[in-house]
Protein backbone atom coordinates (compact mmCIF):
# COMPACT_ATOMS: atom_id res chain seq x y z
CA UNK A 1 0.00 0.00 0.00
CA UNK A 2 1.72 3.15 -1.19
CA UNK A 3 -0.77 5.44 0.49
CA UNK A 4 -4.35 6.53 0.56
CA UNK A 5 -6.27 7.93 -2.36
CA UNK A 6 -6.78 11.70 -2.08
CA UNK A 7 -10.54 11.24 -1.59
CA UNK A 8 -10.23 8.65 1.22
CA UNK A 9 -12.31 9.75 4.22
CA UNK A 10 -10.13 10.19 7.29
CA UNK A 11 -11.11 9.23 10.82
CA UNK A 12 -11.94 12.01 13.25
CA UNK A 13 -12.41 9.70 16.26
CA UNK A 14 -11.75 6.05 17.09
CA UNK A 15 -13.19 4.62 20.30
CA UNK A 16 -12.91 1.11 21.69
CA UNK A 17 -16.01 0.05 23.59
CA UNK A 18 -14.62 -2.96 25.46
CA UNK A 19 -17.82 -3.97 27.26
CA UNK A 20 -19.87 -4.19 24.05
CA UNK A 21 -16.82 -5.30 21.98
CA UNK A 22 -17.30 -2.58 19.37
CA UNK A 23 -14.85 -0.25 17.64
CA UNK A 24 -16.58 3.04 16.90
CA UNK A 25 -15.04 5.11 14.16
CA UNK A 26 -16.17 8.51 12.90
CA UNK A 27 -14.99 9.84 9.54
CA UNK A 28 -14.66 13.36 8.18
CA UNK A 29 -17.35 12.60 5.57
CA UNK A 30 -19.88 12.54 8.44
CA UNK A 31 -20.22 8.76 8.58
CA UNK A 32 -19.97 6.94 11.88
CA UNK A 33 -19.61 3.15 12.12
CA UNK A 34 -19.84 0.72 15.02
CA UNK A 35 -17.80 -2.33 13.99
CA UNK A 36 -17.96 -5.36 16.31
CA UNK A 37 -14.58 -6.87 17.22
CA UNK A 38 -15.74 -10.23 15.84
CA UNK A 39 -16.60 -8.61 12.49
CA UNK A 40 -13.19 -6.94 12.31
CA UNK A 41 -11.45 -10.20 13.21
CA UNK A 42 -13.22 -12.35 10.61
CA UNK A 43 -12.60 -9.72 7.92
CA UNK A 44 -8.96 -9.12 8.84
CA UNK A 45 -6.92 -7.98 5.84
CA UNK A 46 -4.05 -10.31 6.86
CA UNK A 47 -2.78 -13.09 4.59
CA UNK A 48 -3.69 -15.54 7.40
CA UNK A 49 -7.37 -14.71 6.79
CA UNK A 50 -7.48 -13.54 3.18
CA UNK A 51 -5.00 -16.03 1.77
CA UNK A 52 -2.63 -15.07 -1.01
CA UNK A 53 -5.20 -14.81 -3.78
CA UNK A 54 -8.88 -15.10 -4.67
CA UNK A 55 -10.49 -18.28 -3.40
CA UNK A 56 -7.85 -18.81 -0.70
CA UNK A 57 -9.79 -17.06 2.08
CA UNK A 58 -9.72 -19.00 5.35
CA UNK A 59 -13.06 -19.24 7.16
CA UNK A 60 -12.62 -17.80 10.66
CA UNK A 61 -14.53 -19.69 13.34
CA UNK A 62 -15.09 -19.35 17.07
CA UNK A 63 -14.53 -15.58 17.17
CA UNK A 64 -17.79 -14.51 18.88
CA UNK A 65 -15.99 -13.57 22.12
CA UNK A 66 -12.79 -12.14 20.64
CA UNK A 67 -11.55 -8.93 22.24
CA UNK A 68 -9.19 -6.20 21.08
CA UNK A 69 -6.44 -5.84 23.66
CA UNK A 70 -4.63 -2.89 22.05
CA UNK A 71 -4.55 -0.80 18.90
CA UNK A 72 -1.36 0.51 17.37
CA UNK A 73 -1.36 3.45 14.94
CA UNK A 74 0.48 2.70 11.70
CA UNK A 75 1.66 5.96 10.17
CA UNK A 76 -1.22 8.24 9.23
CA UNK A 77 -3.08 5.62 7.25
CA UNK A 78 -4.00 2.58 9.36
CA UNK A 79 -4.40 0.83 12.69
CA UNK A 80 -3.13 -2.57 13.77
CA UNK A 81 -5.34 -4.21 16.41
CA UNK A 82 -4.05 -6.90 18.72
CA UNK A 83 -6.83 -9.46 19.21
CA UNK A 84 -7.23 -11.66 22.28
CA UNK A 85 -6.78 -14.82 20.17
CA UNK A 86 -3.22 -13.72 19.34
CA UNK A 87 -4.00 -12.38 15.87
CA UNK A 88 -2.13 -9.12 15.29
CA UNK A 89 -0.99 -9.09 11.67
CA UNK A 90 -3.88 -7.22 10.03
CA UNK A 91 -3.35 -3.59 8.97
CA UNK A 92 -6.71 -1.84 8.78
CA UNK A 93 -6.27 1.20 6.53
CA UNK A 94 -8.73 4.09 6.70
CA UNK A 95 -10.19 3.16 3.30
CA UNK A 96 -10.64 -0.48 4.39
CA UNK A 97 -12.36 0.53 7.65
CA UNK A 98 -14.65 2.91 5.76
CA UNK A 99 -15.46 0.18 3.23
CA UNK A 100 -16.14 -2.38 5.98
CA UNK A 101 -18.49 0.12 7.62
CA UNK A 102 -20.32 0.87 4.37
CA UNK A 103 -20.77 -2.83 3.53
CA UNK A 104 -21.08 -4.17 7.09
CA UNK A 105 -24.58 -5.68 6.78
CA UNK A 106 -23.89 -7.48 3.49
CA UNK A 107 -20.45 -8.70 4.59
CA UNK A 108 -21.78 -9.99 7.91
CA UNK A 109 -24.60 -11.87 6.17
CA UNK A 110 -22.10 -13.36 3.70
CA UNK A 111 -20.00 -14.55 6.65
CA UNK A 112 -23.01 -16.10 8.41
CA UNK A 113 -24.09 -17.77 5.15
CA UNK A 114 -20.60 -19.23 4.64
CA UNK A 115 -20.49 -20.52 8.23
CA UNK A 116 -23.81 -22.27 7.65
CA UNK A 117 -22.75 -23.71 4.27
CA UNK A 118 -19.49 -25.06 5.69
CA UNK A 119 -20.87 -26.24 9.03
CA UNK A 120 -18.84 -23.66 10.95
CA UNK A 121 -19.53 -21.94 14.24
CA UNK A 122 -19.05 -18.54 15.84
CA UNK A 123 -18.76 -20.10 19.29
CA UNK A 124 -15.30 -21.07 20.53
CA UNK A 125 -16.73 -23.77 22.83
CA UNK A 126 -18.21 -25.59 19.82
CA UNK A 127 -14.95 -25.82 17.89
CA UNK A 128 -13.36 -29.26 17.64
CA UNK A 129 -10.09 -29.59 19.58
CA UNK A 130 -6.99 -28.85 17.52
CA UNK A 131 -5.42 -31.82 15.81
CA UNK A 132 -2.33 -33.14 17.58
CA UNK A 133 0.81 -31.75 16.01
CA UNK A 134 3.60 -33.91 14.75
CA UNK A 135 5.92 -32.29 17.27
CA UNK A 136 9.40 -31.06 16.75
CA UNK A 137 11.04 -34.47 16.68
CA UNK A 138 12.52 -34.27 20.18
CA UNK A 139 11.47 -36.79 22.81
CA UNK A 140 11.45 -36.05 26.53
C-alpha atoms as a PDB file:
ATOM      1  CA  UNK A   1       0.000   0.000   0.000  1.00  0.00           C
ATOM      2  CA  UNK A   2       1.718   3.149  -1.188  1.00  0.00           C
ATOM      3  CA  UNK A   3      -0.770   5.440   0.486  1.00  0.00           C
ATOM      4  CA  UNK A   4      -4.346   6.529   0.559  1.00  0.00           C
ATOM      5  CA  UNK A   5      -6.272   7.934  -2.356  1.00  0.00           C
ATOM      6  CA  UNK A   6      -6.784  11.705  -2.082  1.00  0.00           C
ATOM      7  CA  UNK A   7     -10.538  11.239  -1.589  1.00  0.00           C
ATOM      8  CA  UNK A   8     -10.234   8.653   1.222  1.00  0.00           C
ATOM      9  CA  UNK A   9     -12.312   9.751   4.216  1.00  0.00           C
ATOM     10  CA  UNK A  10     -10.125  10.192   7.287  1.00  0.00           C
ATOM     11  CA  UNK A  11     -11.112   9.226  10.824  1.00  0.00           C
ATOM     12  CA  UNK A  12     -11.940  12.009  13.249  1.00  0.00           C
ATOM     13  CA  UNK A  13     -12.412   9.703  16.257  1.00  0.00           C
ATOM     14  CA  UNK A  14     -11.745   6.054  17.091  1.00  0.00           C
ATOM     15  CA  UNK A  15     -13.194   4.623  20.296  1.00  0.00           C
ATOM     16  CA  UNK A  16     -12.909   1.109  21.692  1.00  0.00           C
ATOM     17  CA  UNK A  17     -16.007   0.049  23.589  1.00  0.00           C
ATOM     18  CA  UNK A  18     -14.618  -2.957  25.459  1.00  0.00           C
ATOM     19  CA  UNK A  19     -17.818  -3.974  27.259  1.00  0.00           C
ATOM     20  CA  UNK A  20     -19.871  -4.186  24.051  1.00  0.00           C
ATOM     21  CA  UNK A  21     -16.816  -5.299  21.978  1.00  0.00           C
ATOM     22  CA  UNK A  22     -17.296  -2.578  19.374  1.00  0.00           C
ATOM     23  CA  UNK A  23     -14.851  -0.249  17.636  1.00  0.00           C
ATOM     24  CA  UNK A  24     -16.584   3.037  16.900  1.00  0.00           C
ATOM     25  CA  UNK A  25     -15.041   5.110  14.156  1.00  0.00           C
ATOM     26  CA  UNK A  26     -16.167   8.513  12.900  1.00  0.00           C
ATOM     27  CA  UNK A  27     -14.986   9.839   9.539  1.00  0.00           C
ATOM     28  CA  UNK A  28     -14.661  13.360   8.178  1.00  0.00           C
ATOM     29  CA  UNK A  29     -17.354  12.605   5.571  1.00  0.00           C
ATOM     30  CA  UNK A  30     -19.882  12.545   8.437  1.00  0.00           C
ATOM     31  CA  UNK A  31     -20.220   8.758   8.580  1.00  0.00           C
ATOM     32  CA  UNK A  32     -19.971   6.939  11.885  1.00  0.00           C
ATOM     33  CA  UNK A  33     -19.608   3.154  12.117  1.00  0.00           C
ATOM     34  CA  UNK A  34     -19.837   0.716  15.021  1.00  0.00           C
ATOM     35  CA  UNK A  35     -17.795  -2.326  13.993  1.00  0.00           C
ATOM     36  CA  UNK A  36     -17.958  -5.360  16.314  1.00  0.00           C
ATOM     37  CA  UNK A  37     -14.581  -6.872  17.217  1.00  0.00           C
ATOM     38  CA  UNK A  38     -15.744 -10.225  15.836  1.00  0.00           C
ATOM     39  CA  UNK A  39     -16.604  -8.614  12.487  1.00  0.00           C
ATOM     40  CA  UNK A  40     -13.191  -6.936  12.311  1.00  0.00           C
ATOM     41  CA  UNK A  41     -11.452 -10.198  13.213  1.00  0.00           C
ATOM     42  CA  UNK A  42     -13.216 -12.350  10.609  1.00  0.00           C
ATOM     43  CA  UNK A  43     -12.598  -9.716   7.918  1.00  0.00           C
ATOM     44  CA  UNK A  44      -8.959  -9.123   8.836  1.00  0.00           C
ATOM     45  CA  UNK A  45      -6.917  -7.982   5.838  1.00  0.00           C
ATOM     46  CA  UNK A  46      -4.050 -10.309   6.855  1.00  0.00           C
ATOM     47  CA  UNK A  47      -2.784 -13.086   4.593  1.00  0.00           C
ATOM     48  CA  UNK A  48      -3.694 -15.538   7.396  1.00  0.00           C
ATOM     49  CA  UNK A  49      -7.375 -14.713   6.790  1.00  0.00           C
ATOM     50  CA  UNK A  50      -7.484 -13.543   3.178  1.00  0.00           C
ATOM     51  CA  UNK A  51      -5.001 -16.034   1.773  1.00  0.00           C
ATOM     52  CA  UNK A  52      -2.628 -15.066  -1.013  1.00  0.00           C
ATOM     53  CA  UNK A  53      -5.196 -14.814  -3.776  1.00  0.00           C
ATOM     54  CA  UNK A  54      -8.882 -15.099  -4.669  1.00  0.00           C
ATOM     55  CA  UNK A  55     -10.493 -18.279  -3.404  1.00  0.00           C
ATOM     56  CA  UNK A  56      -7.849 -18.810  -0.697  1.00  0.00           C
ATOM     57  CA  UNK A  57      -9.785 -17.064   2.081  1.00  0.00           C
ATOM     58  CA  UNK A  58      -9.720 -19.005   5.353  1.00  0.00           C
ATOM     59  CA  UNK A  59     -13.059 -19.244   7.164  1.00  0.00           C
ATOM     60  CA  UNK A  60     -12.624 -17.799  10.656  1.00  0.00           C
ATOM     61  CA  UNK A  61     -14.528 -19.688  13.344  1.00  0.00           C
ATOM     62  CA  UNK A  62     -15.088 -19.346  17.071  1.00  0.00           C
ATOM     63  CA  UNK A  63     -14.529 -15.581  17.166  1.00  0.00           C
ATOM     64  CA  UNK A  64     -17.788 -14.513  18.884  1.00  0.00           C
ATOM     65  CA  UNK A  65     -15.994 -13.566  22.119  1.00  0.00           C
ATOM     66  CA  UNK A  66     -12.785 -12.142  20.645  1.00  0.00           C
ATOM     67  CA  UNK A  67     -11.550  -8.932  22.235  1.00  0.00           C
ATOM     68  CA  UNK A  68      -9.194  -6.203  21.079  1.00  0.00           C
ATOM     69  CA  UNK A  69      -6.435  -5.838  23.659  1.00  0.00           C
ATOM     70  CA  UNK A  70      -4.634  -2.894  22.053  1.00  0.00           C
ATOM     71  CA  UNK A  71      -4.554  -0.797  18.902  1.00  0.00           C
ATOM     72  CA  UNK A  72      -1.362   0.515  17.366  1.00  0.00           C
ATOM     73  CA  UNK A  73      -1.357   3.446  14.944  1.00  0.00           C
ATOM     74  CA  UNK A  74       0.480   2.701  11.704  1.00  0.00           C
ATOM     75  CA  UNK A  75       1.656   5.956  10.165  1.00  0.00           C
ATOM     76  CA  UNK A  76      -1.215   8.241   9.230  1.00  0.00           C
ATOM     77  CA  UNK A  77      -3.081   5.619   7.245  1.00  0.00           C
ATOM     78  CA  UNK A  78      -4.002   2.577   9.363  1.00  0.00           C
ATOM     79  CA  UNK A  79      -4.398   0.835  12.694  1.00  0.00           C
ATOM     80  CA  UNK A  80      -3.131  -2.569  13.766  1.00  0.00           C
ATOM     81  CA  UNK A  81      -5.340  -4.206  16.413  1.00  0.00           C
ATOM     82  CA  UNK A  82      -4.053  -6.897  18.724  1.00  0.00           C
ATOM     83  CA  UNK A  83      -6.828  -9.458  19.208  1.00  0.00           C
ATOM     84  CA  UNK A  84      -7.231 -11.655  22.284  1.00  0.00           C
ATOM     85  CA  UNK A  85      -6.777 -14.818  20.173  1.00  0.00           C
ATOM     86  CA  UNK A  86      -3.217 -13.724  19.340  1.00  0.00           C
ATOM     87  CA  UNK A  87      -4.003 -12.377  15.865  1.00  0.00           C
ATOM     88  CA  UNK A  88      -2.132  -9.116  15.287  1.00  0.00           C
ATOM     89  CA  UNK A  89      -0.993  -9.091  11.667  1.00  0.00           C
ATOM     90  CA  UNK A  90      -3.880  -7.216  10.033  1.00  0.00           C
ATOM     91  CA  UNK A  91      -3.351  -3.589   8.972  1.00  0.00           C
ATOM     92  CA  UNK A  92      -6.707  -1.840   8.780  1.00  0.00           C
ATOM     93  CA  UNK A  93      -6.272   1.198   6.529  1.00  0.00           C
ATOM     94  CA  UNK A  94      -8.735   4.088   6.700  1.00  0.00           C
ATOM     95  CA  UNK A  95     -10.189   3.160   3.302  1.00  0.00           C
ATOM     96  CA  UNK A  96     -10.636  -0.484   4.389  1.00  0.00           C
ATOM     97  CA  UNK A  97     -12.358   0.528   7.655  1.00  0.00           C
ATOM     98  CA  UNK A  98     -14.648   2.909   5.761  1.00  0.00           C
ATOM     99  CA  UNK A  99     -15.462   0.180   3.232  1.00  0.00           C
ATOM    100  CA  UNK A 100     -16.143  -2.381   5.982  1.00  0.00           C
ATOM    101  CA  UNK A 101     -18.489   0.119   7.619  1.00  0.00           C
ATOM    102  CA  UNK A 102     -20.320   0.868   4.368  1.00  0.00           C
ATOM    103  CA  UNK A 103     -20.766  -2.826   3.530  1.00  0.00           C
ATOM    104  CA  UNK A 104     -21.084  -4.171   7.090  1.00  0.00           C
ATOM    105  CA  UNK A 105     -24.584  -5.677   6.777  1.00  0.00           C
ATOM    106  CA  UNK A 106     -23.886  -7.477   3.488  1.00  0.00           C
ATOM    107  CA  UNK A 107     -20.450  -8.696   4.592  1.00  0.00           C
ATOM    108  CA  UNK A 108     -21.782  -9.985   7.908  1.00  0.00           C
ATOM    109  CA  UNK A 109     -24.601 -11.868   6.165  1.00  0.00           C
ATOM    110  CA  UNK A 110     -22.102 -13.358   3.699  1.00  0.00           C
ATOM    111  CA  UNK A 111     -20.001 -14.552   6.648  1.00  0.00           C
ATOM    112  CA  UNK A 112     -23.007 -16.101   8.413  1.00  0.00           C
ATOM    113  CA  UNK A 113     -24.090 -17.774   5.155  1.00  0.00           C
ATOM    114  CA  UNK A 114     -20.596 -19.233   4.635  1.00  0.00           C
ATOM    115  CA  UNK A 115     -20.488 -20.520   8.225  1.00  0.00           C
ATOM    116  CA  UNK A 116     -23.807 -22.270   7.655  1.00  0.00           C
ATOM    117  CA  UNK A 117     -22.752 -23.710   4.274  1.00  0.00           C
ATOM    118  CA  UNK A 118     -19.494 -25.060   5.687  1.00  0.00           C
ATOM    119  CA  UNK A 119     -20.874 -26.237   9.034  1.00  0.00           C
ATOM    120  CA  UNK A 120     -18.841 -23.662  10.947  1.00  0.00           C
ATOM    121  CA  UNK A 121     -19.529 -21.945  14.237  1.00  0.00           C
ATOM    122  CA  UNK A 122     -19.054 -18.535  15.839  1.00  0.00           C
ATOM    123  CA  UNK A 123     -18.762 -20.096  19.295  1.00  0.00           C
ATOM    124  CA  UNK A 124     -15.296 -21.073  20.530  1.00  0.00           C
ATOM    125  CA  UNK A 125     -16.731 -23.770  22.832  1.00  0.00           C
ATOM    126  CA  UNK A 126     -18.210 -25.594  19.821  1.00  0.00           C
ATOM    127  CA  UNK A 127     -14.947 -25.822  17.885  1.00  0.00           C
ATOM    128  CA  UNK A 128     -13.363 -29.256  17.643  1.00  0.00           C
ATOM    129  CA  UNK A 129     -10.094 -29.592  19.581  1.00  0.00           C
ATOM    130  CA  UNK A 130      -6.993 -28.846  17.522  1.00  0.00           C
ATOM    131  CA  UNK A 131      -5.420 -31.823  15.808  1.00  0.00           C
ATOM    132  CA  UNK A 132      -2.326 -33.136  17.579  1.00  0.00           C
ATOM    133  CA  UNK A 133       0.806 -31.747  16.007  1.00  0.00           C
ATOM    134  CA  UNK A 134       3.595 -33.909  14.752  1.00  0.00           C
ATOM    135  CA  UNK A 135       5.918 -32.289  17.269  1.00  0.00           C
ATOM    136  CA  UNK A 136       9.399 -31.057  16.754  1.00  0.00           C
ATOM    137  CA  UNK A 137      11.035 -34.465  16.682  1.00  0.00           C
ATOM    138  CA  UNK A 138      12.518 -34.273  20.184  1.00  0.00           C
ATOM    139  CA  UNK A 139      11.475 -36.786  22.813  1.00  0.00           C
ATOM    140  CA  UNK A 140      11.451 -36.052  26.528  1.00  0.00           C
END
